[in-house]
Amino acid sequence: MNNPDRIIRLKTVPARIGLSRTTLYRKMGEGTFPR
């Protein structure tokens, strides 16, 4: 069963979502990606 509330390490996020770390931080700053 997939748990959507599971916390994953920041190092693994870009590989999972297909965005660069820079883009990820920008989206977090804009409020368009959850922290």
N, C-alpha and C. Protein backbone atom coordinates (compact mmCIF):
# COMPACT_ATOMS: atom_id res chain seq x y z
N MET A 1 0.84 -1.17 0.00
CA MET A 1 0.00 0.00 0.00
C MET A 1 0.89 1.24 0.00
N ASN A 2 0.58 2.20 -0.83
CA ASN A 2 1.35 3.43 -0.95
C ASN A 2 0.86 4.44 0.09
N ASN A 3 1.79 4.98 0.88
CA ASN A 3 1.44 5.95 1.91
C ASN A 3 1.81 7.34 1.43
N PRO A 4 0.86 8.18 1.00
CA PRO A 4 1.17 9.50 0.45
C PRO A 4 1.73 10.48 1.48
N ASP A 5 1.57 10.21 2.78
CA ASP A 5 2.07 11.11 3.81
C ASP A 5 3.48 10.75 4.26
N ARG A 6 4.09 9.82 3.60
CA ARG A 6 5.44 9.39 3.98
C ARG A 6 6.45 10.48 3.67
N ILE A 7 7.35 10.75 4.59
CA ILE A 7 8.39 11.75 4.39
C ILE A 7 9.59 11.08 3.74
N ILE A 8 10.07 11.69 2.64
CA ILE A 8 11.25 11.16 1.97
C ILE A 8 12.37 12.20 2.04
N ARG A 9 13.59 11.74 1.94
CA ARG A 9 14.74 12.64 2.03
C ARG A 9 14.82 13.54 0.81
N LEU A 10 15.29 14.77 1.05
CA LEU A 10 15.38 15.75 -0.02
C LEU A 10 16.28 15.27 -1.16
N LYS A 11 17.29 14.48 -0.86
CA LYS A 11 18.19 13.97 -1.89
C LYS A 11 17.46 13.09 -2.90
N THR A 12 16.42 12.41 -2.48
CA THR A 12 15.72 11.49 -3.37
C THR A 12 14.55 12.13 -4.13
N VAL A 13 14.13 13.31 -3.69
CA VAL A 13 12.96 13.95 -4.31
C VAL A 13 13.17 14.27 -5.79
N PRO A 14 14.28 14.93 -6.20
CA PRO A 14 14.44 15.25 -7.63
C PRO A 14 14.36 14.02 -8.54
N ALA A 15 14.93 12.91 -8.13
CA ALA A 15 14.87 11.70 -8.95
C ALA A 15 13.45 11.16 -9.05
N ARG A 16 12.68 11.30 -8.00
CA ARG A 16 11.31 10.79 -8.00
C ARG A 16 10.35 11.66 -8.80
N ILE A 17 10.56 12.98 -8.78
CA ILE A 17 9.61 13.87 -9.45
C ILE A 17 10.09 14.39 -10.79
N GLY A 18 11.37 14.19 -11.10
CA GLY A 18 11.88 14.59 -12.41
C GLY A 18 12.22 16.07 -12.53
N LEU A 19 12.45 16.75 -11.41
CA LEU A 19 12.85 18.15 -11.43
C LEU A 19 14.23 18.28 -10.82
N SER A 20 14.95 19.32 -11.22
CA SER A 20 16.26 19.56 -10.61
C SER A 20 16.07 20.09 -9.19
N ARG A 21 17.13 20.01 -8.41
CA ARG A 21 17.05 20.51 -7.05
C ARG A 21 16.80 22.02 -7.02
N THR A 22 17.40 22.74 -7.98
CA THR A 22 17.19 24.18 -8.08
C THR A 22 15.72 24.50 -8.32
N THR A 23 15.11 23.79 -9.26
CA THR A 23 13.70 24.00 -9.57
C THR A 23 12.83 23.65 -8.37
N LEU A 24 13.19 22.59 -7.69
CA LEU A 24 12.45 22.17 -6.51
C LEU A 24 12.45 23.27 -5.45
N TYR A 25 13.63 23.83 -5.16
CA TYR A 25 13.72 24.91 -4.16
C TYR A 25 12.94 26.15 -4.61
N ARG A 26 12.99 26.45 -5.91
CA ARG A 26 12.25 27.61 -6.42
C ARG A 26 10.76 27.41 -6.22
N LYS A 27 10.27 26.23 -6.56
CA LYS A 27 8.84 25.94 -6.40
C LYS A 27 8.43 25.96 -4.93
N MET A 28 9.30 25.49 -4.04
CA MET A 28 9.00 25.55 -2.62
C MET A 28 8.90 27.01 -2.17
N GLY A 29 9.78 27.86 -2.68
CA GLY A 29 9.75 29.28 -2.35
C GLY A 29 8.51 29.98 -2.87
N GLU A 30 8.04 29.54 -4.04
CA GLU A 30 6.83 30.12 -4.64
C GLU A 30 5.56 29.61 -3.96
N GLY A 31 5.71 28.52 -3.23
CA GLY A 31 4.54 27.92 -2.59
C GLY A 31 3.79 26.96 -3.48
N THR A 32 4.42 26.54 -4.60
CA THR A 32 3.75 25.62 -5.53
C THR A 32 4.19 24.17 -5.33
N PHE A 33 5.05 23.93 -4.35
CA PHE A 33 5.46 22.57 -4.01
C PHE A 33 5.48 22.46 -2.49
N PRO A 34 4.90 21.41 -1.94
CA PRO A 34 4.83 21.30 -0.47
C PRO A 34 6.20 21.12 0.17
N ARG A 35 6.32 21.61 1.38
CA ARG A 35 7.57 21.47 2.14
C ARG A 35 7.54 20.25 2.99
